[in-house]
Every structure is written in structure tokens, then in C-alpha cells.
Amino acid sequence: MDMGSVHEKLKDVEQQLHQLGDEIRNLKDNHLHTLDLRLTRLETSISVGWKAVIFGAGIPAIISAILSAIQLLK
């Protein structure tokens, strides 16, 4: 094997390693983007959920307090 052939093979291996690195970075970025979207959806769901719980529990409590006050006044 002559030096030119070895040099060509090393250049080819180097190029393939660079391509592999780019693909790994791309996959990592896409995967993290998906996780970020999922976390954003989860945060939104939790925020809306807590508001629904507070609203759902608050209205009956207020109505109950008003009815209790009316009963007390009678």
C-alpha cells in the first residue's frame, strides 16, 4: 500500500466522521426540541388545570358561604 492510498483512506474516514458528528448533533437537537415542546404542553396543562380546580372549588364555596349567611339571618 502506498502513502497516497493511505492518505486517501484517512481523508475518507475523516469526512465520514464529520458527517456522523453532524448527524448526531442533528438528532440530538431534534430530540431536545421534541422534549421542549412536551414540557411546554405539560406546563400549560398544569397551569390550566390549577385554574380549573381553583375556579371549580371556589364557586361552590362562595355559594355555600352566601347560603349560610342567608340561613343565619333567617
C-alpha atoms as a PDB file:
ATOM      1  CA  MET A   1       0.000   0.000   0.000  1.00  0.00           C
ATOM      2  CA  ASP A   2       1.458   3.330  -0.954  1.00  0.00           C
ATOM      3  CA  MET A   3       1.234   6.539   1.070  1.00  0.00           C
ATOM      4  CA  GLY A   4      -1.198   8.154  -1.360  1.00  0.00           C
ATOM      5  CA  SER A   5      -3.702   5.370  -0.852  1.00  0.00           C
ATOM      6  CA  VAL A   6      -3.380   5.547   2.940  1.00  0.00           C
ATOM      7  CA  HIS A   7      -3.789   9.316   2.795  1.00  0.00           C
ATOM      8  CA  GLU A   8      -6.939   8.970   0.642  1.00  0.00           C
ATOM      9  CA  LYS A   9      -8.426   6.420   3.058  1.00  0.00           C
ATOM     10  CA  LEU A  10      -7.677   8.646   6.066  1.00  0.00           C
ATOM     11  CA  LYS A  11      -9.316  11.606   4.358  1.00  0.00           C
ATOM     12  CA  ASP A  12     -12.358   9.444   3.582  1.00  0.00           C
ATOM     13  CA  VAL A  13     -12.569   8.273   7.211  1.00  0.00           C
ATOM     14  CA  GLU A  14     -12.222  11.871   8.423  1.00  0.00           C
ATOM     15  CA  GLN A  15     -15.040  13.005   6.145  1.00  0.00           C
ATOM     16  CA  GLN A  16     -17.283  10.171   7.330  1.00  0.00           C
ATOM     17  CA  LEU A  17     -16.570  11.065  10.975  1.00  0.00           C
ATOM     18  CA  HIS A  18     -17.520  14.687  10.325  1.00  0.00           C
ATOM     19  CA  GLN A  19     -20.753  13.586   8.660  1.00  0.00           C
ATOM     20  CA  LEU A  20     -21.511  11.252  11.561  1.00  0.00           C
ATOM     21  CA  GLY A  21     -20.894  14.067  14.042  1.00  0.00           C
ATOM     22  CA  ASP A  22     -23.258  16.357  12.123  1.00  0.00           C
ATOM     23  CA  GLU A  23     -25.955  13.671  12.070  1.00  0.00           C
ATOM     24  CA  ILE A  24     -25.583  13.036  15.815  1.00  0.00           C
ATOM     25  CA  ARG A  25     -25.865  16.784  16.540  1.00  0.00           C
ATOM     26  CA  ASN A  26     -28.935  16.997  14.312  1.00  0.00           C
ATOM     27  CA  LEU A  27     -30.606  14.038  16.033  1.00  0.00           C
ATOM     28  CA  LYS A  28     -29.788  15.466  19.461  1.00  0.00           C
ATOM     29  CA  ASP A  29     -31.208  18.884  18.558  1.00  0.00           C
ATOM     30  CA  ASN A  30     -34.396  17.371  17.134  1.00  0.00           C
ATOM     31  CA  HIS A  31     -34.846  15.142  20.185  1.00  0.00           C
ATOM     32  CA  LEU A  32     -34.377  18.042  22.594  1.00  0.00           C
ATOM     33  CA  HIS A  33     -36.801  20.157  20.570  1.00  0.00           C
ATOM     34  CA  THR A  34     -39.459  17.453  20.970  1.00  0.00           C
ATOM     35  CA  LEU A  35     -38.841  17.290  24.719  1.00  0.00           C
ATOM     36  CA  ASP A  36     -39.079  21.077  24.962  1.00  0.00           C
ATOM     37  CA  LEU A  37     -42.450  21.023  23.193  1.00  0.00           C
ATOM     38  CA  ARG A  38     -43.701  18.287  25.533  1.00  0.00           C
ATOM     39  CA  LEU A  39     -42.591  20.235  28.611  1.00  0.00           C
ATOM     40  CA  THR A  40     -44.306  23.369  27.306  1.00  0.00           C
ATOM     41  CA  ARG A  41     -47.543  21.416  26.800  1.00  0.00           C
ATOM     42  CA  LEU A  42     -47.237  19.930  30.286  1.00  0.00           C
ATOM     43  CA  GLU A  43     -46.702  23.356  31.862  1.00  0.00           C
ATOM     44  CA  THR A  44     -49.725  24.719  30.000  1.00  0.00           C
ATOM     45  CA  SER A  45     -51.871  21.784  31.087  1.00  0.00           C
ATOM     46  CA  ILE A  46     -50.823  22.185  34.715  1.00  0.00           C
ATOM     47  CA  SER A  47     -51.495  25.927  34.621  1.00  0.00           C
ATOM     48  CA  VAL A  48     -54.949  25.475  33.108  1.00  0.00           C
ATOM     49  CA  GLY A  49     -55.650  22.553  35.460  1.00  0.00           C
ATOM     50  CA  TRP A  50     -54.910  24.566  38.592  1.00  0.00           C
ATOM     51  CA  LYS A  51     -57.083  27.431  37.396  1.00  0.00           C
ATOM     52  CA  ALA A  52     -59.927  24.990  36.743  1.00  0.00           C
ATOM     53  CA  VAL A  53     -59.534  23.470  40.217  1.00  0.00           C
ATOM     54  CA  ILE A  54     -59.490  26.873  41.918  1.00  0.00           C
ATOM     55  CA  PHE A  55     -62.463  28.090  39.905  1.00  0.00           C
ATOM     56  CA  GLY A  56     -64.338  24.798  40.333  1.00  0.00           C
ATOM     57  CA  ALA A  57     -63.789  24.722  44.096  1.00  0.00           C
ATOM     58  CA  GLY A  58     -64.149  28.472  44.643  1.00  0.00           C
ATOM     59  CA  ILE A  59     -67.581  28.996  43.122  1.00  0.00           C
ATOM     60  CA  PRO A  60     -69.341  26.306  45.220  1.00  0.00           C
ATOM     61  CA  ALA A  61     -67.569  27.599  48.346  1.00  0.00           C
ATOM     62  CA  ILE A  62     -68.790  31.150  47.682  1.00  0.00           C
ATOM     63  CA  ILE A  63     -72.339  29.933  47.033  1.00  0.00           C
ATOM     64  CA  SER A  64     -72.199  27.864  50.219  1.00  0.00           C
ATOM     65  CA  ALA A  65     -70.998  30.883  52.226  1.00  0.00           C
ATOM     66  CA  ILE A  66     -73.819  33.056  50.815  1.00  0.00           C
ATOM     67  CA  LEU A  67     -76.416  30.394  51.619  1.00  0.00           C
ATOM     68  CA  SER A  68     -75.002  30.011  55.134  1.00  0.00           C
ATOM     69  CA  ALA A  69     -75.192  33.765  55.659  1.00  0.00           C
ATOM     70  CA  ILE A  70     -78.809  33.783  54.431  1.00  0.00           C
ATOM     71  CA  GLN A  71     -79.659  30.867  56.798  1.00  0.00           C
ATOM     72  CA  LEU A  72     -78.011  32.730  59.679  1.00  0.00           C
ATOM     73  CA  LEU A  73     -80.054  35.872  59.002  1.00  0.00           C
ATOM     74  CA  LYS A  74     -83.382  33.986  58.970  1.00  0.00           C
END
